[in-house]
C-alpha atoms as a PDB file:
ATOM      1  CA  MET A   1     129.660  33.435 104.420  1.00  0.00           C
ATOM      2  CA  GLU A   2     129.007  37.120 105.098  1.00  0.00           C
ATOM      3  CA  MET A   3     132.605  38.005 104.311  1.00  0.00           C
ATOM      4  CA  SER A   4     132.569  36.023 101.064  1.00  0.00           C
ATOM      5  CA  VAL A   5     129.404  37.774  99.855  1.00  0.00           C
ATOM      6  CA  ASN A   6     130.877  41.154 100.763  1.00  0.00           C
ATOM      7  CA  LEU A   7     133.985  40.193  98.804  1.00  0.00           C
ATOM      8  CA  ILE A   8     131.860  39.220  95.805  1.00  0.00           C
ATOM      9  CA  LEU A   9     130.182  42.639  95.909  1.00  0.00           C
ATOM     10  CA  LEU A  10     133.548  44.414  96.123  1.00  0.00           C
ATOM     11  CA  LEU A  11     135.035  42.379  93.263  1.00  0.00           C
ATOM     12  CA  LEU A  12     131.949  42.867  91.104  1.00  0.00           C
ATOM     13  CA  PHE A  13     131.987  46.610  91.727  1.00  0.00           C
ATOM     14  CA  SER A  14     135.719  46.860  90.939  1.00  0.00           C
ATOM     15  CA  ALA A  15     135.365  44.742  87.799  1.00  0.00           C
ATOM     16  CA  THR A  16     132.479  46.930  86.623  1.00  0.00           C
ATOM     17  CA  LEU A  17     134.527  50.113  86.987  1.00  0.00           C
ATOM     18  CA  LEU A  18     137.556  48.618  85.242  1.00  0.00           C
ATOM     19  CA  LEU A  19     135.490  47.151  82.418  1.00  0.00           C
ATOM     20  CA  GLY A  20     133.575  50.391  82.015  1.00  0.00           C
ATOM     21  CA  LYS A  21     136.805  52.342  81.699  1.00  0.00           C
ATOM     22  CA  ARG A  22     138.246  49.852  79.224  1.00  0.00           C
ATOM     23  CA  LEU A  23     135.122  49.929  77.044  1.00  0.00           C
ATOM     24  CA  GLY A  24     135.136  53.705  76.867  1.00  0.00           C
ATOM     25  CA  PHE A  25     132.376  54.532  79.344  1.00  0.00           C
ATOM     26  CA  GLY A  26     134.771  56.214  81.778  1.00  0.00           C
ATOM     27  CA  TRP A  27     135.278  55.695  85.489  1.00  0.00           C
ATOM     28  CA  ASP A  28     131.810  57.039  86.270  1.00  0.00           C
ATOM     29  CA  VAL A  29     130.202  54.223  84.284  1.00  0.00           C
ATOM     30  CA  LEU A  30     127.626  53.712  87.048  1.00  0.00           C
ATOM     31  CA  GLY A  31     126.865  57.412  87.435  1.00  0.00           C
ATOM     32  CA  LEU A  32     127.860  57.489  91.099  1.00  0.00           C
ATOM     33  CA  LYS A  33     129.305  61.009  91.180  1.00  0.00           C
ATOM     34  CA  PRO A  34     127.102  62.921  93.658  1.00  0.00           C
ATOM     35  CA  GLU A  35     124.787  65.470  92.049  1.00  0.00           C
ATOM     36  CA  THR A  36     121.591  67.141  93.222  1.00  0.00           C
ATOM     37  CA  LEU A  37     119.456  65.479  90.552  1.00  0.00           C
ATOM     38  CA  ARG A  38     120.929  62.060  91.264  1.00  0.00           C
ATOM     39  CA  SER A  39     120.260  62.458  94.976  1.00  0.00           C
ATOM     40  CA  MET A  40     116.676  63.336  94.095  1.00  0.00           C
ATOM     41  CA  ASP A  41     116.524  60.238  91.894  1.00  0.00           C
ATOM     42  CA  PHE A  42     117.437  57.997  94.807  1.00  0.00           C
ATOM     43  CA  LEU A  43     115.156  59.718  97.312  1.00  0.00           C
ATOM     44  CA  ILE A  44     112.095  59.773  95.068  1.00  0.00           C
ATOM     45  CA  GLY A  45     112.728  56.238  93.829  1.00  0.00           C
ATOM     46  CA  PHE A  46     113.149  54.879  97.339  1.00  0.00           C
ATOM     47  CA  VAL A  47     110.145  56.670  98.847  1.00  0.00           C
ATOM     48  CA  ALA A  48     107.826  55.900  95.916  1.00  0.00           C
ATOM     49  CA  SER A  49     108.813  52.240  95.961  1.00  0.00           C
ATOM     50  CA  ALA A  50     108.548  51.880  99.738  1.00  0.00           C
ATOM     51  CA  VAL A  51     105.123  53.556  99.801  1.00  0.00           C
ATOM     52  CA  ALA A  52     103.931  51.353  96.929  1.00  0.00           C
ATOM     53  CA  GLY A  53     105.141  48.305  98.833  1.00  0.00           C
ATOM     54  CA  VAL A  54     103.419  49.333 102.068  1.00  0.00           C
ATOM     55  CA  LEU A  55     100.156  49.980 100.198  1.00  0.00           C
ATOM     56  CA  CYS A  56     100.398  46.580  98.513  1.00  0.00           C
ATOM     57  CA  PHE A  57     100.814  44.813 101.840  1.00  0.00           C
ATOM     58  CA  GLY A  58      98.085  47.009 103.295  1.00  0.00           C
ATOM     59  CA  ILE A  59      95.619  45.809 100.655  1.00  0.00           C
ATOM     60  CA  LEU A  60      96.661  42.220 101.308  1.00  0.00           C
ATOM     61  CA  ILE A  61      96.186  42.609 105.080  1.00  0.00           C
ATOM     62  CA  TRP A  62      92.815  44.314 104.621  1.00  0.00           C
ATOM     63  CA  GLN A  63      91.420  41.774 102.163  1.00  0.00           C
ATOM     64  CA  THR A  64      92.565  38.716 104.124  1.00  0.00           C
ATOM     65  CA  GLU A  65      91.679  40.206 107.531  1.00  0.00           C
ATOM     66  CA  ALA A  66      95.212  39.315 108.528  1.00  0.00           C
ATOM     67  CA  ARG A  67      96.620  39.619 111.999  1.00  0.00           C
ATOM     68  CA  VAL A  68      99.824  41.654 112.069  1.00  0.00           C
ATOM     69  CA  ILE A  69     102.184  40.429 114.758  1.00  0.00           C
ATOM     70  CA  THR A  70     105.022  42.675 115.917  1.00  0.00           C
ATOM     71  CA  ASN A  71     108.133  40.699 116.745  1.00  0.00           C
ATOM     72  CA  SER A  72     110.802  41.693 119.241  1.00  0.00           C
ATOM     73  CA  TYR A  73     113.238  43.398 116.890  1.00  0.00           C
ATOM     74  CA  SER A  74     116.453  45.164 117.844  1.00  0.00           C
ATOM     75  CA  SER A  75     118.150  47.952 115.921  1.00  0.00           C
ATOM     76  CA  PHE A  76     121.068  45.581 115.311  1.00  0.00           C
ATOM     77  CA  GLN A  77     118.737  43.056 113.672  1.00  0.00           C
ATOM     78  CA  PHE A  78     117.216  45.813 111.550  1.00  0.00           C
ATOM     79  CA  PHE A  79     120.544  47.132 110.287  1.00  0.00           C
ATOM     80  CA  THR A  80     121.836  43.609 109.657  1.00  0.00           C
ATOM     81  CA  ALA A  81     118.764  42.773 107.575  1.00  0.00           C
ATOM     82  CA  ALA A  82     118.868  46.172 105.854  1.00  0.00           C
ATOM     83  CA  TRP A  83     122.518  45.649 104.911  1.00  0.00           C
ATOM     84  CA  TRP A  84     121.714  42.171 103.562  1.00  0.00           C
ATOM     85  CA  THR A  85     118.911  43.695 101.477  1.00  0.00           C
ATOM     86  CA  LEU A  86     121.052  46.565 100.182  1.00  0.00           C
ATOM     87  CA  ARG A  87     123.877  44.183  99.317  1.00  0.00           C
ATOM     88  CA  SER A  88     121.584  41.868  97.368  1.00  0.00           C
ATOM     89  CA  VAL A  89     120.134  44.860  95.504  1.00  0.00           C
ATOM     90  CA  LEU A  90     123.597  46.173  94.592  1.00  0.00           C
ATOM     91  CA  ILE A  91     124.768  42.772  93.361  1.00  0.00           C
ATOM     92  CA  GLU A  92     121.693  42.378  91.158  1.00  0.00           C
ATOM     93  CA  GLU A  93     122.004  45.925  89.817  1.00  0.00           C
ATOM     94  CA  LEU A  94     125.675  45.425  88.980  1.00  0.00           C
ATOM     95  CA  LEU A  95     124.886  42.182  87.165  1.00  0.00           C
ATOM     96  CA  PHE A  96     121.793  43.267  85.248  1.00  0.00           C
ATOM     97  CA  ARG A  97     121.980  47.075  84.995  1.00  0.00           C
ATOM     98  CA  GLY A  98     125.704  47.722  84.932  1.00  0.00           C
ATOM     99  CA  VAL A  99     128.272  47.965  82.188  1.00  0.00           C
ATOM    100  CA  LEU A 100     126.858  44.968  80.291  1.00  0.00           C
ATOM    101  CA  LEU A 101     123.533  46.766  79.861  1.00  0.00           C
ATOM    102  CA  LEU A 102     125.358  49.842  78.581  1.00  0.00           C
ATOM    103  CA  LEU A 103     127.291  47.674  76.141  1.00  0.00           C
ATOM    104  CA  ILE A 104     124.126  46.026  74.821  1.00  0.00           C
ATOM    105  CA  ALA A 105     122.444  49.431  74.502  1.00  0.00           C
ATOM    106  CA  ARG A 106     125.436  50.738  72.555  1.00  0.00           C
ATOM    107  CA  HIS A 107     125.014  48.004  69.933  1.00  0.00           C
ATOM    108  CA  LEU A 108     121.270  47.277  69.962  1.00  0.00           C
ATOM    109  CA  GLY A 109     119.699  50.460  71.305  1.00  0.00           C
ATOM    110  CA  VAL A 110     118.053  51.328  74.603  1.00  0.00           C
ATOM    111  CA  HIS A 111     114.728  49.530  74.119  1.00  0.00           C
ATOM    112  CA  LYS A 112     116.168  46.181  73.037  1.00  0.00           C
ATOM    113  CA  ALA A 113     118.770  46.350  75.790  1.00  0.00           C
ATOM    114  CA  CYS A 114     116.086  46.957  78.415  1.00  0.00           C
ATOM    115  CA  ILE A 115     114.006  44.040  77.137  1.00  0.00           C
ATOM    116  CA  ILE A 116     117.010  41.698  77.218  1.00  0.00           C
ATOM    117  CA  SER A 117     117.844  42.842  80.742  1.00  0.00           C
ATOM    118  CA  ALA A 118     114.244  42.317  81.875  1.00  0.00           C
ATOM    119  CA  VAL A 119     114.012  38.820  80.388  1.00  0.00           C
ATOM    120  CA  THR A 120     117.280  37.666  81.946  1.00  0.00           C
ATOM    121  CA  PHE A 121     116.243  39.217  85.267  1.00  0.00           C
ATOM    122  CA  GLY A 122     113.012  37.221  85.159  1.00  0.00           C
ATOM    123  CA  PHE A 123     114.847  33.982  84.338  1.00  0.00           C
ATOM    124  CA  TYR A 124     117.340  34.631  87.136  1.00  0.00           C
ATOM    125  CA  HIS A 125     114.562  34.828  89.710  1.00  0.00           C
ATOM    126  CA  TRP A 126     113.299  31.373  88.798  1.00  0.00           C
ATOM    127  CA  GLY A 127     116.465  30.124  90.438  1.00  0.00           C
ATOM    128  CA  SER A 128     116.651  32.609  93.299  1.00  0.00           C
ATOM    129  CA  TYR A 129     112.991  31.957  94.191  1.00  0.00           C
ATOM    130  CA  GLY A 130     113.310  28.194  93.667  1.00  0.00           C
ATOM    131  CA  VAL A 131     110.196  27.863  91.487  1.00  0.00           C
ATOM    132  CA  PHE A 132     111.503  25.548  88.753  1.00  0.00           C
ATOM    133  CA  GLY A 133     108.855  22.988  87.794  1.00  0.00           C
ATOM    134  CA  ASP A 134     105.890  24.984  89.128  1.00  0.00           C
ATOM    135  CA  ILE A 135     104.645  26.469  85.835  1.00  0.00           C
ATOM    136  CA  PRO A 136     102.023  28.912  87.224  1.00  0.00           C
ATOM    137  CA  ARG A 137     104.491  30.186  89.813  1.00  0.00           C
ATOM    138  CA  MET A 138     107.227  30.454  87.161  1.00  0.00           C
ATOM    139  CA  LEU A 139     104.962  32.601  84.983  1.00  0.00           C
ATOM    140  CA  GLU A 140     104.013  34.802  87.926  1.00  0.00           C
ATOM    141  CA  VAL A 141     107.623  35.297  89.016  1.00  0.00           C
ATOM    142  CA  PHE A 142     108.780  35.935  85.443  1.00  0.00           C
ATOM    143  CA  VAL A 143     106.184  38.648  84.829  1.00  0.00           C
ATOM    144  CA  LEU A 144     106.601  40.351  88.215  1.00  0.00           C
ATOM    145  CA  THR A 145     110.400  40.389  88.212  1.00  0.00           C
ATOM    146  CA  GLY A 146     110.603  40.934  84.459  1.00  0.00           C
ATOM    147  CA  VAL A 147     108.499  44.098  84.694  1.00  0.00           C
ATOM    148  CA  GLY A 148     110.608  45.198  87.641  1.00  0.00           C
ATOM    149  CA  GLY A 149     113.764  44.517  85.652  1.00  0.00           C
ATOM    150  CA  LEU A 150     112.398  46.534  82.729  1.00  0.00           C
ATOM    151  CA  MET A 151     111.672  49.464  85.043  1.00  0.00           C
ATOM    152  CA  PHE A 152     115.140  49.306  86.626  1.00  0.00           C
ATOM    153  CA  ALA A 153     116.834  49.047  83.217  1.00  0.00           C
ATOM    154  CA  TYR A 154     115.084  52.123  81.814  1.00  0.00           C
ATOM    155  CA  ALA A 155     115.762  53.981  85.066  1.00  0.00           C
ATOM    156  CA  PHE A 156     119.473  53.282  84.682  1.00  0.00           C
ATOM    157  CA  LEU A 157     119.842  53.958  80.966  1.00  0.00           C
ATOM    158  CA  LEU A 158     117.690  57.098  80.896  1.00  0.00           C
ATOM    159  CA  THR A 159     119.439  58.666  83.896  1.00  0.00           C
ATOM    160  CA  ARG A 160     122.863  57.076  83.229  1.00  0.00           C
ATOM    161  CA  SER A 161     123.113  56.575  86.964  1.00  0.00           C
ATOM    162  CA  PHE A 162     122.578  53.867  89.575  1.00  0.00           C
ATOM    163  CA  TYR A 163     120.740  56.178  91.974  1.00  0.00           C
ATOM    164  CA  LEU A 164     117.194  55.790  90.625  1.00  0.00           C
ATOM    165  CA  PRO A 165     117.213  52.017  89.961  1.00  0.00           C
ATOM    166  CA  VAL A 166     118.855  51.291  93.313  1.00  0.00           C
ATOM    167  CA  GLY A 167     116.331  53.525  95.099  1.00  0.00           C
ATOM    168  CA  LEU A 168     113.405  51.811  93.360  1.00  0.00           C
ATOM    169  CA  HIS A 169     114.795  48.333  93.969  1.00  0.00           C
ATOM    170  CA  LEU A 170     115.788  48.943  97.583  1.00  0.00           C
ATOM    171  CA  GLY A 171     112.539  50.601  98.675  1.00  0.00           C
ATOM    172  CA  TRP A 172     110.350  47.664  97.672  1.00  0.00           C
ATOM    173  CA  ASN A 173     112.760  44.979  98.883  1.00  0.00           C
ATOM    174  CA  LEU A 174     113.321  46.657 102.246  1.00  0.00           C
ATOM    175  CA  VAL A 175     109.586  46.827 102.892  1.00  0.00           C
ATOM    176  CA  SER A 176     109.053  43.238 101.756  1.00  0.00           C
ATOM    177  CA  VAL A 177     112.026  41.575 103.428  1.00  0.00           C
ATOM    178  CA  VAL A 178     112.700  43.636 106.551  1.00  0.00           C
ATOM    179  CA  VAL A 179     109.306  45.100 107.463  1.00  0.00           C
ATOM    180  CA  PHE A 180     106.881  42.361 106.390  1.00  0.00           C
ATOM    181  CA  SER A 181     109.222  39.352 106.583  1.00  0.00           C
ATOM    182  CA  GLU A 182     108.609  38.235 102.975  1.00  0.00           C
ATOM    183  CA  GLY A 183     111.948  36.865 101.879  1.00  0.00           C
ATOM    184  CA  PRO A 184     114.821  34.481 102.488  1.00  0.00           C
ATOM    185  CA  LEU A 185     115.705  36.046 105.850  1.00  0.00           C
ATOM    186  CA  GLY A 186     112.547  34.664 107.411  1.00  0.00           C
ATOM    187  CA  MET A 187     110.860  36.370 110.338  1.00  0.00           C
ATOM    188  CA  GLN A 188     111.864  40.016 110.782  1.00  0.00           C
ATOM    189  CA  TRP A 189     109.861  42.949 112.161  1.00  0.00           C
ATOM    190  CA  LEU A 190     106.222  42.190 111.287  1.00  0.00           C
ATOM    191  CA  GLU A 191     104.496  38.872 110.714  1.00  0.00           C
ATOM    192  CA  VAL A 192     101.353  38.857 108.569  1.00  0.00           C
ATOM    193  CA  ALA A 193      98.976  35.994 109.375  1.00  0.00           C
ATOM    194  CA  PRO A 194      96.017  35.926 106.920  1.00  0.00           C
ATOM    195  CA  GLN A 195      92.706  34.779 108.404  1.00  0.00           C
ATOM    196  CA  GLN A 196      91.043  34.021 105.063  1.00  0.00           C
ATOM    197  CA  ASP A 197      91.957  33.361 101.430  1.00  0.00           C
ATOM    198  CA  LEU A 198      92.562  36.347  99.195  1.00  0.00           C
ATOM    199  CA  GLY A 199      90.221  35.203  96.439  1.00  0.00           C
ATOM    200  CA  LEU A 200      90.793  35.158  92.684  1.00  0.00           C
ATOM    201  CA  PHE A 201      89.618  38.704  91.979  1.00  0.00           C
ATOM    202  CA  MET A 202      91.824  40.364  94.589  1.00  0.00           C
ATOM    203  CA  THR A 203      94.736  38.107  93.641  1.00  0.00           C
ATOM    204  CA  VAL A 204      94.497  39.528  90.118  1.00  0.00           C
ATOM    205  CA  VAL A 205      94.094  43.077  91.480  1.00  0.00           C
ATOM    206  CA  ILE A 206      97.250  42.806  93.605  1.00  0.00           C
ATOM    207  CA  PHE A 207      99.143  41.228  90.713  1.00  0.00           C
ATOM    208  CA  LEU A 208      98.149  44.086  88.397  1.00  0.00           C
ATOM    209  CA  TYR A 209      98.928  46.619  91.118  1.00  0.00           C
ATOM    210  CA  GLN A 210     102.490  45.316  91.322  1.00  0.00           C
ATOM    211  CA  ILE A 211     103.147  45.484  87.582  1.00  0.00           C
ATOM    212  CA  ILE A 212     101.385  48.801  86.901  1.00  0.00           C
ATOM    213  CA  VAL A 213     101.532  51.281  89.777  1.00  0.00           C
ATOM    214  CA  LEU A 214     105.257  51.689  90.479  1.00  0.00           C
ATOM    215  CA  PRO A 215     106.298  51.355  86.800  1.00  0.00           C
ATOM    216  CA  TRP A 216     103.799  54.108  85.936  1.00  0.00           C
ATOM    217  CA  VAL A 217     105.124  56.352  88.726  1.00  0.00           C
ATOM    218  CA  THR A 218     108.665  55.736  87.461  1.00  0.00           C
ATOM    219  CA  TRP A 219     107.677  56.508  83.865  1.00  0.00           C
ATOM    220  CA  TYR A 220     105.975  59.732  84.960  1.00  0.00           C
ATOM    221  CA  TYR A 221     108.973  60.753  87.050  1.00  0.00           C
ATOM    222  CA  LEU A 222     111.381  60.141  84.177  1.00  0.00           C
ATOM    223  CA  LYS A 223     109.223  62.337  81.924  1.00  0.00           C
ATOM    224  CA  GLN A 224     109.228  65.184  84.471  1.00  0.00           C
ATOM    225  CA  ARG A 225     112.737  64.649  85.831  1.00  0.00           C
ATOM    226  CA  LYS A 226     114.709  67.396  84.114  1.00  0.00           C
ATOM    227  CA  GLY A 227     112.138  70.015  85.019  1.00  0.00           C
ATOM    228  CA  LEU A 228     112.317  69.320  88.751  1.00  0.00           C
ATOM    229  CA  LEU A 229     115.421  71.408  89.383  1.00  0.00           C
ATOM    230  CA  TRP A 230     114.936  75.160  89.537  1.00  0.00           C
END
């Protein structure tokens, strides 16, 4: 199974490069050529996203008076889970923010392309999260992942590079899946055991936090980006 998923990632990456070259975007269609600004994109995106994720879980733990249980966790388990998370991020980025997004932007413009990417990203997560039939949960997942998809799409098209969207995507997912065990891998490093219900007000606050804070930080960074290099 692991080998087949790795093969899918390799084939998807190769197909993206070949298709990008054929469509006139060049071999660096994903903007992977190392540059100082691109390295900064990844670092800032990753750190901002990871910090936002930790703060989100911190609010949840505080408001539910949760017990945080530390599991016995080896470095091998960490790197295995981290690789799984990185691989899933790369596959999603190649599918939703790769050459197809560039092609749509070429014909429809950046804004429409980003909206299309966000909508399809939201629909995709209905399946990956297994929420079909649960209307409230479907709406929640669509908005959360759709806003995330919109942020990743703009990050890719405005920088013409994978570094920022991958950093943003990976930071949040790594914190969620590997640190706080919220994901398909099950129990990882920390286990959060709430002692009371969150309540409607704080549920709304955390929901708004997730769709506002990191997207705003990303928007601000993109506005200031070119002035960061001396």
